[in-house]
N, C-alpha and C. Protein backbone atom coordinates (compact mmCIF):
# COMPACT_ATOMS: atom_id res chain seq x y z
N MET A 1 13.09 -34.14 1.91
CA MET A 1 13.11 -33.31 0.74
C MET A 1 11.77 -32.57 0.65
N ALA A 2 11.83 -31.27 0.55
CA ALA A 2 10.62 -30.45 0.47
C ALA A 2 10.42 -29.98 -0.97
N LYS A 3 9.16 -29.93 -1.38
CA LYS A 3 8.83 -29.44 -2.72
C LYS A 3 7.91 -28.23 -2.60
N ARG A 4 8.09 -27.30 -3.52
CA ARG A 4 7.22 -26.12 -3.62
C ARG A 4 6.93 -25.85 -5.08
N LEU A 5 5.71 -25.40 -5.34
CA LEU A 5 5.33 -24.98 -6.67
C LEU A 5 5.43 -23.46 -6.71
N LEU A 6 6.27 -22.94 -7.58
CA LEU A 6 6.46 -21.50 -7.73
C LEU A 6 5.79 -21.07 -9.03
N MET A 7 4.76 -20.23 -8.91
CA MET A 7 4.04 -19.71 -10.08
C MET A 7 4.33 -18.23 -10.22
N SER A 8 4.82 -17.83 -11.38
CA SER A 8 5.16 -16.43 -11.63
C SER A 8 4.21 -15.85 -12.66
N PHE A 9 3.74 -14.64 -12.36
CA PHE A 9 2.76 -13.95 -13.20
C PHE A 9 3.33 -12.62 -13.68
N ILE A 10 2.84 -12.15 -14.81
CA ILE A 10 3.12 -10.81 -15.31
C ILE A 10 2.01 -9.90 -14.78
N THR A 11 2.37 -8.69 -14.37
CA THR A 11 1.38 -7.75 -13.83
C THR A 11 1.06 -6.64 -14.83
N ALA A 12 0.00 -5.92 -14.54
CA ALA A 12 -0.47 -4.86 -15.43
C ALA A 12 0.58 -3.77 -15.65
N GLN A 13 1.45 -3.54 -14.69
CA GLN A 13 2.48 -2.51 -14.82
C GLN A 13 3.79 -3.06 -15.38
N GLY A 14 3.74 -4.29 -15.90
CA GLY A 14 4.93 -4.87 -16.50
C GLY A 14 5.87 -5.54 -15.52
N GLY A 15 5.45 -5.63 -14.29
CA GLY A 15 6.28 -6.28 -13.29
C GLY A 15 6.00 -7.77 -13.20
N GLN A 16 6.46 -8.35 -12.13
CA GLN A 16 6.27 -9.78 -11.90
C GLN A 16 5.79 -9.99 -10.48
N SER A 17 4.93 -10.97 -10.30
CA SER A 17 4.46 -11.35 -8.98
C SER A 17 4.46 -12.87 -8.92
N SER A 18 4.85 -13.42 -7.78
CA SER A 18 4.94 -14.87 -7.65
C SER A 18 4.09 -15.38 -6.50
N LEU A 19 3.66 -16.60 -6.65
CA LEU A 19 2.87 -17.30 -5.65
C LEU A 19 3.52 -18.65 -5.44
N THR A 20 3.77 -19.01 -4.18
CA THR A 20 4.41 -20.27 -3.86
C THR A 20 3.47 -21.13 -3.04
N LEU A 21 3.35 -22.39 -3.43
CA LEU A 21 2.52 -23.35 -2.70
C LEU A 21 3.40 -24.51 -2.24
N ASP A 22 3.29 -24.85 -0.97
CA ASP A 22 4.04 -25.98 -0.41
C ASP A 22 3.41 -27.30 -0.80
N ALA A 23 4.23 -28.31 -0.94
CA ALA A 23 3.83 -29.71 -1.13
C ALA A 23 2.85 -29.91 -2.28
N PRO A 24 3.22 -29.53 -3.50
CA PRO A 24 2.32 -29.80 -4.63
C PRO A 24 2.22 -31.31 -4.85
N LYS A 25 1.11 -31.73 -5.42
CA LYS A 25 0.94 -33.17 -5.64
C LYS A 25 1.94 -33.66 -6.67
N ASP A 26 2.31 -34.91 -6.54
CA ASP A 26 3.22 -35.53 -7.50
C ASP A 26 2.53 -35.65 -8.86
N GLY A 27 3.30 -35.49 -9.91
CA GLY A 27 2.78 -35.68 -11.26
C GLY A 27 2.00 -34.51 -11.83
N LEU A 28 2.13 -33.33 -11.24
CA LEU A 28 1.46 -32.15 -11.80
C LEU A 28 1.87 -31.97 -13.25
N THR A 29 0.92 -31.58 -14.09
CA THR A 29 1.23 -31.35 -15.49
C THR A 29 1.20 -29.87 -15.81
N GLU A 30 1.81 -29.50 -16.92
CA GLU A 30 1.77 -28.12 -17.37
C GLU A 30 0.32 -27.66 -17.56
N THR A 31 -0.51 -28.49 -18.12
CA THR A 31 -1.90 -28.13 -18.36
C THR A 31 -2.64 -27.83 -17.07
N GLU A 32 -2.43 -28.65 -16.04
CA GLU A 32 -3.09 -28.42 -14.75
C GLU A 32 -2.66 -27.10 -14.14
N VAL A 33 -1.36 -26.84 -14.15
CA VAL A 33 -0.85 -25.61 -13.55
C VAL A 33 -1.30 -24.40 -14.35
N ARG A 34 -1.21 -24.47 -15.67
CA ARG A 34 -1.63 -23.35 -16.51
C ARG A 34 -3.11 -23.04 -16.31
N THR A 35 -3.93 -24.06 -16.19
CA THR A 35 -5.37 -23.86 -15.97
C THR A 35 -5.63 -23.11 -14.67
N VAL A 36 -4.93 -23.49 -13.61
CA VAL A 36 -5.09 -22.81 -12.32
C VAL A 36 -4.60 -21.37 -12.41
N MET A 37 -3.44 -21.17 -13.03
CA MET A 37 -2.89 -19.82 -13.14
C MET A 37 -3.81 -18.91 -13.95
N GLU A 38 -4.37 -19.43 -15.03
CA GLU A 38 -5.29 -18.63 -15.84
C GLU A 38 -6.58 -18.32 -15.08
N ALA A 39 -7.04 -19.25 -14.24
CA ALA A 39 -8.23 -18.99 -13.42
C ALA A 39 -7.94 -17.90 -12.40
N ILE A 40 -6.74 -17.91 -11.82
CA ILE A 40 -6.34 -16.85 -10.87
C ILE A 40 -6.37 -15.50 -11.56
N ILE A 41 -5.86 -15.44 -12.79
CA ILE A 41 -5.84 -14.18 -13.56
C ILE A 41 -7.26 -13.76 -13.92
N THR A 42 -8.04 -14.66 -14.48
CA THR A 42 -9.39 -14.36 -14.95
C THR A 42 -10.29 -13.87 -13.82
N ASN A 43 -10.15 -14.49 -12.66
CA ASN A 43 -11.01 -14.13 -11.52
C ASN A 43 -10.43 -13.02 -10.66
N ASN A 44 -9.28 -12.48 -11.06
CA ASN A 44 -8.64 -11.36 -10.37
C ASN A 44 -8.60 -11.61 -8.86
N ILE A 45 -8.05 -12.75 -8.48
CA ILE A 45 -8.07 -13.19 -7.09
C ILE A 45 -7.14 -12.40 -6.18
N PHE A 46 -5.97 -12.00 -6.69
CA PHE A 46 -4.99 -11.33 -5.85
C PHE A 46 -4.74 -9.89 -6.29
N ASN A 47 -4.52 -9.02 -5.31
CA ASN A 47 -4.10 -7.64 -5.56
C ASN A 47 -2.60 -7.57 -5.35
N THR A 48 -1.91 -6.87 -6.24
CA THR A 48 -0.47 -6.69 -6.06
C THR A 48 -0.14 -5.21 -6.15
N SER A 49 1.03 -4.85 -5.66
CA SER A 49 1.46 -3.45 -5.73
C SER A 49 1.80 -3.05 -7.17
N ASN A 50 1.96 -4.03 -8.06
CA ASN A 50 2.26 -3.75 -9.47
C ASN A 50 1.03 -3.90 -10.36
N GLY A 51 -0.15 -3.87 -9.78
CA GLY A 51 -1.37 -3.97 -10.56
C GLY A 51 -1.88 -5.40 -10.67
N ASP A 52 -2.95 -5.56 -11.44
CA ASP A 52 -3.57 -6.87 -11.61
C ASP A 52 -2.63 -7.84 -12.30
N LEU A 53 -2.85 -9.12 -12.04
CA LEU A 53 -2.11 -10.16 -12.74
C LEU A 53 -2.72 -10.28 -14.14
N THR A 54 -1.86 -10.23 -15.15
CA THR A 54 -2.36 -10.20 -16.53
C THR A 54 -1.89 -11.36 -17.40
N GLY A 55 -0.87 -12.09 -16.96
CA GLY A 55 -0.37 -13.17 -17.79
C GLY A 55 0.45 -14.17 -17.00
N VAL A 56 0.62 -15.33 -17.62
CA VAL A 56 1.44 -16.39 -17.05
C VAL A 56 2.87 -16.17 -17.51
N LYS A 57 3.80 -16.14 -16.56
CA LYS A 57 5.21 -16.00 -16.92
C LYS A 57 5.92 -17.35 -16.85
N ALA A 58 5.78 -18.06 -15.73
CA ALA A 58 6.48 -19.34 -15.57
C ALA A 58 5.90 -20.09 -14.39
N ALA A 59 6.21 -21.38 -14.36
CA ALA A 59 5.87 -22.21 -13.20
C ALA A 59 6.94 -23.28 -13.09
N GLU A 60 7.33 -23.55 -11.86
CA GLU A 60 8.35 -24.57 -11.65
C GLU A 60 8.19 -25.19 -10.28
N ILE A 61 8.60 -26.44 -10.19
CA ILE A 61 8.63 -27.11 -8.90
C ILE A 61 10.05 -27.04 -8.40
N VAL A 62 10.21 -26.51 -7.20
CA VAL A 62 11.52 -26.37 -6.57
C VAL A 62 11.61 -27.42 -5.47
N THR A 63 12.66 -28.22 -5.54
CA THR A 63 12.89 -29.27 -4.55
C THR A 63 14.11 -28.90 -3.73
N THR A 64 13.97 -28.93 -2.41
CA THR A 64 15.09 -28.59 -1.53
C THR A 64 15.33 -29.74 -0.55
N THR A 65 16.56 -29.84 -0.13
CA THR A 65 16.91 -30.80 0.91
C THR A 65 17.53 -30.04 2.07
N LYS A 66 17.36 -30.58 3.25
CA LYS A 66 17.89 -29.95 4.44
C LYS A 66 18.87 -30.92 5.10
N GLU A 67 20.01 -30.42 5.44
CA GLU A 67 21.02 -31.23 6.13
C GLU A 67 21.18 -30.68 7.54
N ILE A 68 20.73 -31.44 8.52
CA ILE A 68 20.81 -31.01 9.90
C ILE A 68 22.20 -31.30 10.43
N LEU A 69 22.83 -30.28 10.96
CA LEU A 69 24.19 -30.42 11.48
C LEU A 69 24.21 -30.66 12.98
N ILE A 70 23.30 -30.05 13.70
CA ILE A 70 23.24 -30.23 15.16
C ILE A 70 21.81 -30.54 15.55
């Protein structure tokens, strides 16, 4: 079973930009994720085609399973 942390941001032009991280630690809290997302926004770490990241939209952990057939 694979886990990914999907963080979605609002951009300056009203769009959305997402960042995905593989294998987040177990027990992540909303506070921990929000703190990191706000630091990414405050420090203007990433450039996007829709402008700067300006707000937190959502964060979720996505769990997937793989079934090997052959």
